Amino acid sequence: MEEISRSEDLERLEEFADVMYNETGRNLREEELAELIEEFDACVTSWGSPRFTEKVLEKANRLRIIGHAAGSVKPYVTDEVFKRGIVVVNAAAAIATGVAEFTLAMILNCLRGIPDLVAAMRRGDWSYRRKGRFTRDLRGKRVGLIGFGLVARELAKLLKPFNVKILVYDPHISRSIAGIYNVELVDLNTLLETCDVVSIHAALTEETRGMIGERELKMMRRDAYLVNTARGPIVDEDALIRALREGWIAGAALDVFEQEPLPRDHPLRELGNVYLTPHVAGPSDEGRRKLLGVIVEELQRFFSGKELRYKVEPEELRVRA
């Protein structure tokens, strides 16, 4: 609980609710949640919480709302939750800001080679900046966003001062939404063929699994970069490794992978034109500690009859995280 909360958030929660905390020092098991849930109107979950299965829900006679102090609710919430009329809220909007900032940093790293310069200085190579690869500016470039959910929309805001042209591929987004964010909706081929940077922000679904493969990578410009802070299986890693080795694209920045943790002997670790981070593009430590506060405010709004800001609709799960 300490990782996702501040003392003031816990105090706020206790002002309007009788609270039982998980004091086991570990995540509850499904059967433990089933035993406890019967007497509660609300349940706060986060990463590693047990899934709300039929076994749990048959005991949840009073449960009216689940507040997920994290992002995606897919691993935790079943269709039966919504069928029973239980409201679900999450903190995905708060997390989106952190992911967008991290993604922007990755884009700048790719274009300017900042991690390579840091490594060169550590080994005493002052002249690396003159003999290293050709670096580029972000200003005035074309940035392609695959998926236009919460993270991509925050990223679009952050990119605005750089005077970039933002192309978006997302078949679930209307032109009116695109207009609000001043982005251009295009087909996937156009985005891949024309953008200097392609950043992935789609949810992992049957439709998106492996959607960036050999065909798509070969369509990208040879001086373009691929950034993935969404889900690893959206990209065919074998194809990406070939693309990086053979120069189909200039490079990549990856925070997510098909297998996590990434194996020590994975071929991606051997490549010099890819930056790898260990699935940390979520909230910063500071941002993570604010997540419970988002849910506490939603619970307050719910039990006082006010409109919710971060309600998850069941149909969203098919196309969003």
C-alpha atoms as a PDB file:
ATOM      1  CA  MET A   1       0.000   0.000   0.000  1.00  0.00           C
ATOM      2  CA  GLU A   2       2.859   2.382   0.748  1.00  0.00           C
ATOM      3  CA  GLU A   3       4.024   2.257  -2.875  1.00  0.00           C
ATOM      4  CA  ILE A   4       0.740   3.637  -4.197  1.00  0.00           C
ATOM      5  CA  SER A   5      -0.378   5.925  -1.366  1.00  0.00           C
ATOM      6  CA  ARG A   6       0.402   8.933   0.750  1.00  0.00           C
ATOM      7  CA  SER A   7      -0.636   9.352   4.378  1.00  0.00           C
ATOM      8  CA  GLU A   8      -3.103  12.100   3.464  1.00  0.00           C
ATOM      9  CA  ASP A   9      -4.892   9.774   1.027  1.00  0.00           C
ATOM     10  CA  LEU A  10      -5.333   7.098   3.671  1.00  0.00           C
ATOM     11  CA  GLU A  11      -6.636   9.727   6.106  1.00  0.00           C
ATOM     12  CA  ARG A  12      -9.155  10.932   3.510  1.00  0.00           C
ATOM     13  CA  LEU A  13     -10.361   7.389   2.930  1.00  0.00           C
ATOM     14  CA  GLU A  14     -10.837   6.760   6.629  1.00  0.00           C
ATOM     15  CA  GLU A  15     -12.880   9.955   6.991  1.00  0.00           C
ATOM     16  CA  PHE A  16     -15.805   8.503   5.019  1.00  0.00           C
ATOM     17  CA  ALA A  17     -15.290   4.721   5.171  1.00  0.00           C
ATOM     18  CA  ASP A  18     -14.608   1.881   7.581  1.00  0.00           C
ATOM     19  CA  VAL A  19     -11.450   0.437   6.102  1.00  0.00           C
ATOM     20  CA  MET A  20      -9.902  -3.017   6.320  1.00  0.00           C
ATOM     21  CA  TYR A  21      -6.352  -3.225   5.011  1.00  0.00           C
ATOM     22  CA  ASN A  22      -4.524  -6.226   3.632  1.00  0.00           C
ATOM     23  CA  GLU A  23      -1.871  -6.613   6.323  1.00  0.00           C
ATOM     24  CA  THR A  24      -0.489  -9.971   5.175  1.00  0.00           C
ATOM     25  CA  GLY A  25       2.523  -8.361   3.478  1.00  0.00           C
ATOM     26  CA  ARG A  26       1.636 -10.094   0.204  1.00  0.00           C
ATOM     27  CA  ASN A  27      -1.130 -10.114  -2.398  1.00  0.00           C
ATOM     28  CA  LEU A  28      -4.274 -11.946  -1.334  1.00  0.00           C
ATOM     29  CA  ARG A  29      -5.174 -15.216  -3.020  1.00  0.00           C
ATOM     30  CA  GLU A  30      -8.518 -15.660  -4.763  1.00  0.00           C
ATOM     31  CA  GLU A  31      -9.990 -17.753  -1.952  1.00  0.00           C
ATOM     32  CA  GLU A  32      -8.895 -15.180   0.640  1.00  0.00           C
ATOM     33  CA  LEU A  33     -10.598 -12.375  -1.239  1.00  0.00           C
ATOM     34  CA  ALA A  34     -13.734 -14.506  -1.527  1.00  0.00           C
ATOM     35  CA  GLU A  35     -13.795 -14.962   2.237  1.00  0.00           C
ATOM     36  CA  LEU A  36     -13.443 -11.241   2.929  1.00  0.00           C
ATOM     37  CA  ILE A  37     -15.494  -9.594   0.187  1.00  0.00           C
ATOM     38  CA  GLU A  38     -18.950 -10.403   1.561  1.00  0.00           C
ATOM     39  CA  GLU A  39     -19.054  -7.519   4.031  1.00  0.00           C
ATOM     40  CA  PHE A  40     -17.728  -4.758   1.778  1.00  0.00           C
ATOM     41  CA  ASP A  41     -19.375  -2.161  -0.469  1.00  0.00           C
ATOM     42  CA  ALA A  42     -16.104  -1.206  -2.178  1.00  0.00           C
ATOM     43  CA  CYS A  43     -12.802  -2.878  -2.902  1.00  0.00           C
ATOM     44  CA  VAL A  44      -9.512  -1.174  -3.797  1.00  0.00           C
ATOM     45  CA  THR A  45      -7.125  -3.214  -5.930  1.00  0.00           C
ATOM     46  CA  SER A  46      -3.781  -2.657  -7.604  1.00  0.00           C
ATOM     47  CA  TRP A  47      -1.049  -4.627  -9.356  1.00  0.00           C
ATOM     48  CA  GLY A  48      -1.043  -8.283  -8.307  1.00  0.00           C
ATOM     49  CA  SER A  49      -4.534  -8.348  -6.832  1.00  0.00           C
ATOM     50  CA  PRO A  50      -6.577 -11.531  -7.325  1.00  0.00           C
ATOM     51  CA  ARG A  51      -9.062 -11.726 -10.195  1.00  0.00           C
ATOM     52  CA  PHE A  52     -12.765 -11.162  -9.550  1.00  0.00           C
ATOM     53  CA  THR A  53     -13.847 -14.611 -10.647  1.00  0.00           C
ATOM     54  CA  GLU A  54     -17.255 -16.238 -10.233  1.00  0.00           C
ATOM     55  CA  LYS A  55     -15.988 -17.762  -6.988  1.00  0.00           C
ATOM     56  CA  VAL A  56     -15.251 -14.316  -5.590  1.00  0.00           C
ATOM     57  CA  LEU A  57     -18.341 -12.607  -6.963  1.00  0.00           C
ATOM     58  CA  GLU A  58     -20.819 -15.140  -5.610  1.00  0.00           C
ATOM     59  CA  LYS A  59     -19.804 -13.916  -2.155  1.00  0.00           C
ATOM     60  CA  ALA A  60     -19.796 -10.217  -3.100  1.00  0.00           C
ATOM     61  CA  ASN A  61     -23.424  -9.495  -2.241  1.00  0.00           C
ATOM     62  CA  ARG A  62     -22.756  -5.917  -1.116  1.00  0.00           C
ATOM     63  CA  LEU A  63     -20.008  -4.975  -3.563  1.00  0.00           C
ATOM     64  CA  ARG A  64     -20.936  -1.862  -5.545  1.00  0.00           C
ATOM     65  CA  ILE A  65     -17.627  -0.499  -6.819  1.00  0.00           C
ATOM     66  CA  ILE A  66     -14.067  -1.675  -7.533  1.00  0.00           C
ATOM     67  CA  GLY A  67     -11.384   0.999  -7.506  1.00  0.00           C
ATOM     68  CA  HIS A  68      -8.239  -0.160  -9.308  1.00  0.00           C
ATOM     69  CA  ALA A  69      -5.272   1.943  -8.165  1.00  0.00           C
ATOM     70  CA  ALA A  70      -3.353   1.046 -11.304  1.00  0.00           C
ATOM     71  CA  GLY A  71      -3.975   1.080 -15.062  1.00  0.00           C
ATOM     72  CA  SER A  72      -5.370  -1.857 -16.995  1.00  0.00           C
ATOM     73  CA  VAL A  73      -8.194  -3.743 -15.277  1.00  0.00           C
ATOM     74  CA  LYS A  74      -8.168  -6.601 -17.803  1.00  0.00           C
ATOM     75  CA  PRO A  75      -6.227  -9.048 -15.605  1.00  0.00           C
ATOM     76  CA  TYR A  76      -8.523  -8.453 -12.637  1.00  0.00           C
ATOM     77  CA  VAL A  77     -12.068  -7.782 -13.841  1.00  0.00           C
ATOM     78  CA  THR A  78     -14.284 -10.291 -15.634  1.00  0.00           C
ATOM     79  CA  ASP A  79     -17.413  -9.662 -17.722  1.00  0.00           C
ATOM     80  CA  GLU A  80     -19.449 -10.955 -14.799  1.00  0.00           C
ATOM     81  CA  VAL A  81     -18.427  -7.901 -12.770  1.00  0.00           C
ATOM     82  CA  PHE A  82     -20.172  -5.596 -15.229  1.00  0.00           C
ATOM     83  CA  LYS A  83     -23.160  -7.938 -15.613  1.00  0.00           C
ATOM     84  CA  ARG A  84     -23.745  -7.636 -11.886  1.00  0.00           C
ATOM     85  CA  GLY A  85     -23.812  -3.855 -12.185  1.00  0.00           C
ATOM     86  CA  ILE A  86     -20.604  -3.351 -10.212  1.00  0.00           C
ATOM     87  CA  VAL A  87     -18.924  -0.085 -11.155  1.00  0.00           C
ATOM     88  CA  VAL A  88     -15.220  -0.141 -12.024  1.00  0.00           C
ATOM     89  CA  VAL A  89     -12.892   2.866 -11.888  1.00  0.00           C
ATOM     90  CA  ASN A  90      -9.149   3.014 -12.372  1.00  0.00           C
ATOM     91  CA  ALA A  91      -6.170   5.359 -12.216  1.00  0.00           C
ATOM     92  CA  ALA A  92      -5.140   4.931 -15.853  1.00  0.00           C
ATOM     93  CA  ALA A  93      -5.460   8.664 -16.542  1.00  0.00           C
ATOM     94  CA  ALA A  94      -2.929   9.461 -13.826  1.00  0.00           C
ATOM     95  CA  ILE A  95      -0.549   6.794 -15.115  1.00  0.00           C
ATOM     96  CA  ALA A  96      -0.859   8.058 -18.687  1.00  0.00           C
ATOM     97  CA  THR A  97       0.978  11.260 -17.835  1.00  0.00           C
ATOM     98  CA  GLY A  98       4.028   9.351 -16.620  1.00  0.00           C
ATOM     99  CA  VAL A  99       4.072   7.005 -19.606  1.00  0.00           C
ATOM    100  CA  ALA A 100       3.787   9.945 -22.000  1.00  0.00           C
ATOM    101  CA  GLU A 101       6.709  11.749 -20.359  1.00  0.00           C
ATOM    102  CA  PHE A 102       8.807   8.581 -20.490  1.00  0.00           C
ATOM    103  CA  THR A 103       7.919   8.057 -24.163  1.00  0.00           C
ATOM    104  CA  LEU A 104       8.945  11.603 -25.017  1.00  0.00           C
ATOM    105  CA  ALA A 105      12.273  10.985 -23.301  1.00  0.00           C
ATOM    106  CA  MET A 106      12.732   7.790 -25.336  1.00  0.00           C
ATOM    107  CA  ILE A 107      12.014   9.652 -28.564  1.00  0.00           C
ATOM    108  CA  LEU A 108      14.612  12.302 -27.707  1.00  0.00           C
ATOM    109  CA  ASN A 109      17.094   9.590 -26.726  1.00  0.00           C
ATOM    110  CA  CYS A 110      16.674   7.956 -30.118  1.00  0.00           C
ATOM    111  CA  LEU A 111      17.104  11.150 -32.102  1.00  0.00           C
ATOM    112  CA  ARG A 112      20.005  12.579 -30.064  1.00  0.00           C
ATOM    113  CA  GLY A 113      21.673   9.361 -28.854  1.00  0.00           C
ATOM    114  CA  ILE A 114      21.844  10.677 -25.283  1.00  0.00           C
ATOM    115  CA  PRO A 115      22.419   7.287 -23.563  1.00  0.00           C
ATOM    116  CA  ASP A 116      25.348   6.628 -25.917  1.00  0.00           C
ATOM    117  CA  LEU A 117      26.911   9.961 -24.984  1.00  0.00           C
ATOM    118  CA  VAL A 118      26.506   9.195 -21.278  1.00  0.00           C
ATOM    119  CA  ALA A 119      28.166   5.797 -21.763  1.00  0.00           C
ATOM    120  CA  ALA A 120      31.008   7.388 -23.744  1.00  0.00           C
ATOM    121  CA  MET A 121      31.704   9.875 -20.966  1.00  0.00           C
ATOM    122  CA  ARG A 122      31.768   7.090 -18.386  1.00  0.00           C
ATOM    123  CA  ARG A 123      34.488   5.302 -20.326  1.00  0.00           C
ATOM    124  CA  GLY A 124      36.410   8.551 -20.918  1.00  0.00           C
ATOM    125  CA  ASP A 125      35.675   8.902 -24.637  1.00  0.00           C
ATOM    126  CA  TRP A 126      35.333  12.680 -25.033  1.00  0.00           C
ATOM    127  CA  SER A 127      35.531  12.552 -28.842  1.00  0.00           C
ATOM    128  CA  TYR A 128      32.565  10.152 -29.236  1.00  0.00           C
ATOM    129  CA  ARG A 129      30.253  13.054 -30.040  1.00  0.00           C
ATOM    130  CA  ARG A 130      32.259  13.758 -33.212  1.00  0.00           C
ATOM    131  CA  LYS A 131      32.594  10.194 -34.450  1.00  0.00           C
ATOM    132  CA  GLY A 132      29.236   8.804 -33.331  1.00  0.00           C
ATOM    133  CA  ARG A 133      26.120   8.430 -35.448  1.00  0.00           C
ATOM    134  CA  PHE A 134      24.254  11.273 -37.115  1.00  0.00           C
ATOM    135  CA  THR A 135      21.876  12.883 -34.616  1.00  0.00           C
ATOM    136  CA  ARG A 136      18.655  14.734 -35.402  1.00  0.00           C
ATOM    137  CA  ASP A 137      16.228  17.258 -33.951  1.00  0.00           C
ATOM    138  CA  LEU A 138      12.666  16.470 -32.949  1.00  0.00           C
ATOM    139  CA  ARG A 139      11.376  19.862 -34.015  1.00  0.00           C
ATOM    140  CA  GLY A 140       9.499  19.769 -37.298  1.00  0.00           C
ATOM    141  CA  LYS A 141       9.494  15.981 -37.622  1.00  0.00           C
ATOM    142  CA  ARG A 142       6.606  13.603 -38.327  1.00  0.00           C
ATOM    143  CA  VAL A 143       5.618  11.467 -35.350  1.00  0.00           C
ATOM    144  CA  GLY A 144       3.267   8.530 -35.827  1.00  0.00           C
ATOM    145  CA  LEU A 145       1.142   7.243 -32.963  1.00  0.00           C
ATOM    146  CA  ILE A 146      -0.335   3.760 -33.268  1.00  0.00           C
ATOM    147  CA  GLY A 147      -3.323   3.836 -30.942  1.00  0.00           C
ATOM    148  CA  PHE A 148      -4.764   7.050 -29.541  1.00  0.00           C
ATOM    149  CA  GLY A 149      -5.849   6.277 -25.999  1.00  0.00           C
ATOM    150  CA  LEU A 150      -4.981   8.140 -22.821  1.00  0.00           C
ATOM    151  CA  VAL A 151      -1.186   7.865 -23.143  1.00  0.00           C
ATOM    152  CA  ALA A 152      -1.061   8.905 -26.791  1.00  0.00           C
ATOM    153  CA  ARG A 153      -3.287  11.894 -26.102  1.00  0.00           C
ATOM    154  CA  GLU A 154      -0.999  13.037 -23.292  1.00  0.00           C
ATOM    155  CA  LEU A 155       1.993  12.540 -25.567  1.00  0.00           C
ATOM    156  CA  ALA A 156       0.316  14.633 -28.270  1.00  0.00           C
ATOM    157  CA  LYS A 157       0.065  17.482 -25.754  1.00  0.00           C
ATOM    158  CA  LEU A 158       3.736  17.149 -24.810  1.00  0.00           C
ATOM    159  CA  LEU A 159       4.799  17.122 -28.469  1.00  0.00           C
ATOM    160  CA  LYS A 160       2.953  20.335 -29.306  1.00  0.00           C
ATOM    161  CA  PRO A 161       5.834  22.751 -28.460  1.00  0.00           C
ATOM    162  CA  PHE A 162       8.125  20.822 -30.816  1.00  0.00           C
ATOM    163  CA  ASN A 163       6.023  21.815 -33.816  1.00  0.00           C
ATOM    164  CA  VAL A 164       5.792  18.244 -35.061  1.00  0.00           C
ATOM    165  CA  LYS A 165       3.174  16.826 -37.379  1.00  0.00           C
ATOM    166  CA  ILE A 166       1.346  14.009 -35.584  1.00  0.00           C
ATOM    167  CA  LEU A 167      -0.186  11.187 -37.594  1.00  0.00           C
ATOM    168  CA  VAL A 168      -2.460   8.716 -35.826  1.00  0.00           C
ATOM    169  CA  TYR A 169      -3.618   5.244 -36.736  1.00  0.00           C
ATOM    170  CA  ASP A 170      -6.533   4.120 -34.591  1.00  0.00           C
ATOM    171  CA  PRO A 171      -9.677   2.678 -36.208  1.00  0.00           C
ATOM    172  CA  HIS A 172     -11.621   3.283 -32.999  1.00  0.00           C
ATOM    173  CA  ILE A 173     -11.082   7.066 -32.885  1.00  0.00           C
ATOM    174  CA  SER A 174     -13.410   9.601 -34.512  1.00  0.00           C
ATOM    175  CA  ARG A 175     -12.278  12.576 -36.543  1.00  0.00           C
ATOM    176  CA  SER A 176     -13.831  14.879 -33.954  1.00  0.00           C
ATOM    177  CA  ILE A 177     -11.476  13.491 -31.276  1.00  0.00           C
ATOM    178  CA  ALA A 178      -8.550  13.840 -33.681  1.00  0.00           C
ATOM    179  CA  GLY A 179      -9.535  17.449 -34.281  1.00  0.00           C
ATOM    180  CA  ILE A 180      -9.497  18.249 -30.569  1.00  0.00           C
ATOM    181  CA  TYR A 181      -5.861  17.117 -30.349  1.00  0.00           C
ATOM    182  CA  ASN A 182      -4.872  18.521 -33.734  1.00  0.00           C
ATOM    183  CA  VAL A 183      -3.686  15.180 -35.091  1.00  0.00           C
ATOM    184  CA  GLU A 184      -4.279  13.634 -38.511  1.00  0.00           C
ATOM    185  CA  LEU A 185      -5.956  10.249 -38.773  1.00  0.00           C
ATOM    186  CA  VAL A 186      -4.321   8.077 -41.427  1.00  0.00           C
ATOM    187  CA  ASP A 187      -4.115   4.418 -42.403  1.00  0.00           C
ATOM    188  CA  LEU A 188      -1.296   2.329 -40.946  1.00  0.00           C
ATOM    189  CA  ASN A 189       0.654   2.150 -44.215  1.00  0.00           C
ATOM    190  CA  THR A 190       0.772   5.934 -44.569  1.00  0.00           C
ATOM    191  CA  LEU A 191       1.929   6.347 -40.986  1.00  0.00           C
ATOM    192  CA  LEU A 192       4.712   3.785 -41.331  1.00  0.00           C
ATOM    193  CA  GLU A 193       5.944   5.066 -44.693  1.00  0.00           C
ATOM    194  CA  THR A 194       6.173   8.740 -43.782  1.00  0.00           C
ATOM    195  CA  CYS A 195       7.012   9.160 -40.078  1.00  0.00           C
ATOM    196  CA  ASP A 196      10.428   9.841 -38.561  1.00  0.00           C
ATOM    197  CA  VAL A 197       9.330   8.256 -35.285  1.00  0.00           C
ATOM    198  CA  VAL A 198       6.655   5.587 -34.806  1.00  0.00           C
ATOM    199  CA  SER A 199       5.417   5.210 -31.227  1.00  0.00           C
ATOM    200  CA  ILE A 200       3.125   2.351 -30.193  1.00  0.00           C
ATOM    201  CA  HIS A 201       0.247   3.035 -27.787  1.00  0.00           C
ATOM    202  CA  ALA A 202      -2.313   0.376 -28.694  1.00  0.00           C
ATOM    203  CA  ALA A 203      -3.806  -2.083 -26.234  1.00  0.00           C
ATOM    204  CA  LEU A 204      -2.884  -5.728 -26.670  1.00  0.00           C
ATOM    205  CA  THR A 205      -5.822  -7.484 -28.322  1.00  0.00           C
ATOM    206  CA  GLU A 206      -6.179 -10.286 -30.855  1.00  0.00           C
ATOM    207  CA  GLU A 207      -6.325  -7.549 -33.463  1.00  0.00           C
ATOM    208  CA  THR A 208      -3.059  -5.886 -32.411  1.00  0.00           C
ATOM    209  CA  ARG A 209      -0.961  -8.917 -31.457  1.00  0.00           C
ATOM    210  CA  GLY A 210       1.972  -9.037 -33.883  1.00  0.00           C
ATOM    211  CA  MET A 211       0.615  -6.123 -35.917  1.00  0.00           C
ATOM    212  CA  ILE A 212       4.119  -4.712 -36.400  1.00  0.00           C
ATOM    213  CA  GLY A 213       5.965  -7.458 -38.244  1.00  0.00           C
ATOM    214  CA  GLU A 214       8.398  -7.806 -41.125  1.00  0.00           C
ATOM    215  CA  ARG A 215       6.059  -6.234 -43.672  1.00  0.00           C
ATOM    216  CA  GLU A 216       5.397  -3.199 -41.487  1.00  0.00           C
ATOM    217  CA  LEU A 217       9.023  -2.693 -40.445  1.00  0.00           C
ATOM    218  CA  LYS A 218      10.175  -2.799 -44.063  1.00  0.00           C
ATOM    219  CA  MET A 219       7.647  -0.073 -44.855  1.00  0.00           C
ATOM    220  CA  MET A 220       9.258   2.307 -42.372  1.00  0.00           C
ATOM    221  CA  ARG A 221      11.898   4.810 -43.421  1.00  0.00           C
ATOM    222  CA  ARG A 222      15.478   3.616 -43.005  1.00  0.00           C
ATOM    223  CA  ASP A 223      16.217   6.642 -40.798  1.00  0.00           C
ATOM    224  CA  ALA A 224      13.105   6.142 -38.638  1.00  0.00           C
ATOM    225  CA  TYR A 225      12.853   4.963 -35.037  1.00  0.00           C
ATOM    226  CA  LEU A 226      10.341   2.643 -33.395  1.00  0.00           C
ATOM    227  CA  VAL A 227       9.316   3.262 -29.770  1.00  0.00           C
ATOM    228  CA  ASN A 228       7.201   0.793 -27.788  1.00  0.00           C
ATOM    229  CA  THR A 229       5.985   1.621 -24.288  1.00  0.00           C
ATOM    230  CA  ALA A 230       2.677  -0.235 -24.734  1.00  0.00           C
ATOM    231  CA  ARG A 231       2.813  -4.052 -24.861  1.00  0.00           C
ATOM    232  CA  GLY A 232       5.630  -6.246 -26.149  1.00  0.00           C
ATOM    233  CA  PRO A 233       3.626  -8.777 -28.211  1.00  0.00           C
ATOM    234  CA  ILE A 234       2.307  -5.999 -30.461  1.00  0.00           C
ATOM    235  CA  VAL A 235       5.708  -6.164 -32.183  1.00  0.00           C
ATOM    236  CA  ASP A 236       7.122  -9.325 -33.773  1.00  0.00           C
ATOM    237  CA  GLU A 237      10.474  -9.382 -31.948  1.00  0.00           C
ATOM    238  CA  ASP A 238      12.175 -11.706 -34.421  1.00  0.00           C
ATOM    239  CA  ALA A 239      11.294  -9.345 -37.248  1.00  0.00           C
ATOM    240  CA  LEU A 240      12.423  -6.339 -35.216  1.00  0.00           C
ATOM    241  CA  ILE A 241      15.784  -7.947 -34.478  1.00  0.00           C
ATOM    242  CA  ARG A 242      16.310  -8.480 -38.217  1.00  0.00           C
ATOM    243  CA  ALA A 243      15.240  -4.903 -38.890  1.00  0.00           C
ATOM    244  CA  LEU A 244      17.802  -3.562 -36.405  1.00  0.00           C
ATOM    245  CA  ARG A 245      20.587  -5.842 -37.603  1.00  0.00           C
ATOM    246  CA  GLU A 246      20.001  -5.252 -41.302  1.00  0.00           C
ATOM    247  CA  GLY A 247      19.216  -1.535 -41.146  1.00  0.00           C
ATOM    248  CA  TRP A 248      15.569  -1.559 -42.195  1.00  0.00           C
ATOM    249  CA  ILE A 249      15.155   1.168 -39.561  1.00  0.00           C
ATOM    250  CA  ALA A 250      17.650   3.370 -37.716  1.00  0.00           C
ATOM    251  CA  GLY A 251      16.880   2.076 -34.252  1.00  0.00           C
ATOM    252  CA  ALA A 252      14.339   1.472 -31.522  1.00  0.00           C
ATOM    253  CA  ALA A 253      13.531   2.105 -27.875  1.00  0.00           C
ATOM    254  CA  LEU A 254      11.687  -0.675 -26.061  1.00  0.00           C
ATOM    255  CA  ASP A 255      10.254  -0.752 -22.563  1.00  0.00           C
ATOM    256  CA  VAL A 256       8.119  -3.871 -23.097  1.00  0.00           C
ATOM    257  CA  PHE A 257       8.864  -7.309 -24.496  1.00  0.00           C
ATOM    258  CA  GLU A 258       7.233 -10.578 -25.534  1.00  0.00           C
ATOM    259  CA  GLN A 259       8.861 -12.286 -22.547  1.00  0.00           C
ATOM    260  CA  GLU A 260       9.388 -10.401 -19.302  1.00  0.00           C
ATOM    261  CA  PRO A 261      11.814 -10.187 -17.641  1.00  0.00           C
ATOM    262  CA  LEU A 262      13.865 -10.099 -20.832  1.00  0.00           C
ATOM    263  CA  PRO A 263      16.208 -13.141 -20.794  1.00  0.00           C
ATOM    264  CA  ARG A 264      19.870 -12.357 -20.183  1.00  0.00           C
ATOM    265  CA  ASP A 265      20.880 -14.003 -23.458  1.00  0.00           C
ATOM    266  CA  HIS A 266      18.198 -12.303 -25.567  1.00  0.00           C
ATOM    267  CA  PRO A 267      19.509 -11.059 -28.953  1.00  0.00           C
ATOM    268  CA  LEU A 268      18.119  -7.565 -28.343  1.00  0.00           C
ATOM    269  CA  ARG A 269      20.705  -7.081 -25.606  1.00  0.00           C
ATOM    270  CA  GLU A 270      23.513  -7.459 -28.161  1.00  0.00           C
ATOM    271  CA  LEU A 271      22.349  -4.709 -30.521  1.00  0.00           C
ATOM    272  CA  GLY A 272      23.821  -1.219 -30.387  1.00  0.00           C
ATOM    273  CA  ASN A 273      20.917   0.578 -32.038  1.00  0.00           C
ATOM    274  CA  VAL A 274      18.216  -0.212 -29.495  1.00  0.00           C
ATOM    275  CA  TYR A 275      17.606   1.221 -26.033  1.00  0.00           C
ATOM    276  CA  LEU A 276      16.087  -1.226 -23.549  1.00  0.00           C
ATOM    277  CA  THR A 277      14.377  -0.419 -20.257  1.00  0.00           C
ATOM    278  CA  PRO A 278      12.757  -2.932 -17.850  1.00  0.00           C
ATOM    279  CA  HIS A 279       9.028  -2.110 -18.220  1.00  0.00           C
ATOM    280  CA  VAL A 280       9.230   1.050 -16.134  1.00  0.00           C
ATOM    281  CA  ALA A 281       7.428   3.544 -18.387  1.00  0.00           C
ATOM    282  CA  GLY A 282       4.537   3.759 -15.954  1.00  0.00           C
ATOM    283  CA  PRO A 283       4.370   6.371 -13.240  1.00  0.00           C
ATOM    284  CA  SER A 284       7.489   7.626 -11.517  1.00  0.00           C
ATOM    285  CA  ASP A 285       7.907   6.756  -7.855  1.00  0.00           C
ATOM    286  CA  GLU A 286       6.339  10.132  -7.090  1.00  0.00           C
ATOM    287  CA  GLY A 287       3.446   9.517  -9.463  1.00  0.00           C
ATOM    288  CA  ARG A 288       2.871   5.991  -8.188  1.00  0.00           C
ATOM    289  CA  ARG A 289       2.307   7.279  -4.653  1.00  0.00           C
ATOM    290  CA  LYS A 290      -0.563   9.432  -5.925  1.00  0.00           C
ATOM    291  CA  LEU A 291      -2.572   6.545  -7.408  1.00  0.00           C
ATOM    292  CA  LEU A 292      -4.585   5.700  -4.307  1.00  0.00           C
ATOM    293  CA  GLY A 293      -5.556   9.356  -4.039  1.00  0.00           C
ATOM    294  CA  VAL A 294      -7.174   9.170  -7.479  1.00  0.00           C
ATOM    295  CA  ILE A 295      -9.259   6.182  -6.375  1.00  0.00           C
ATOM    296  CA  VAL A 296     -10.173   7.696  -2.993  1.00  0.00           C
ATOM    297  CA  GLU A 297     -11.581  10.722  -4.779  1.00  0.00           C
ATOM    298  CA  GLU A 298     -13.576   8.488  -7.129  1.00  0.00           C
ATOM    299  CA  LEU A 299     -14.976   6.544  -4.163  1.00  0.00           C
ATOM    300  CA  GLN A 300     -15.999   9.800  -2.513  1.00  0.00           C
ATOM    301  CA  ARG A 301     -17.755  10.891  -5.677  1.00  0.00           C
ATOM    302  CA  PHE A 302     -19.478   7.531  -6.050  1.00  0.00           C
ATOM    303  CA  PHE A 303     -20.876   7.353  -2.518  1.00  0.00           C
ATOM    304  CA  SER A 304     -21.996  10.991  -2.616  1.00  0.00           C
ATOM    305  CA  GLY A 305     -23.809  10.510  -5.944  1.00  0.00           C
ATOM    306  CA  LYS A 306     -21.476  12.663  -8.055  1.00  0.00           C
ATOM    307  CA  GLU A 307     -20.400  11.934 -11.605  1.00  0.00           C
ATOM    308  CA  LEU A 308     -17.337   9.708 -11.878  1.00  0.00           C
ATOM    309  CA  ARG A 309     -14.306  10.841 -13.863  1.00  0.00           C
ATOM    310  CA  TYR A 310     -12.539   7.530 -14.463  1.00  0.00           C
ATOM    311  CA  LYS A 311     -15.263   4.957 -14.912  1.00  0.00           C
ATOM    312  CA  VAL A 312     -14.323   1.945 -17.036  1.00  0.00           C
ATOM    313  CA  GLU A 313     -16.991   0.862 -19.509  1.00  0.00           C
ATOM    314  CA  PRO A 314     -17.098  -2.844 -20.445  1.00  0.00           C
ATOM    315  CA  GLU A 315     -16.878  -2.182 -24.184  1.00  0.00           C
ATOM    316  CA  GLU A 316     -13.612  -0.287 -23.658  1.00  0.00           C
ATOM    317  CA  LEU A 317     -11.808  -3.453 -22.615  1.00  0.00           C
ATOM    318  CA  ARG A 318     -11.919  -4.796 -26.147  1.00  0.00           C
ATOM    319  CA  VAL A 319      -9.862  -1.944 -27.571  1.00  0.00           C
ATOM    320  CA  ARG A 320      -8.160  -0.268 -24.619  1.00  0.00           C
ATOM    321  CA  ALA A 321      -5.889  -1.322 -21.808  1.00  0.00           C
END
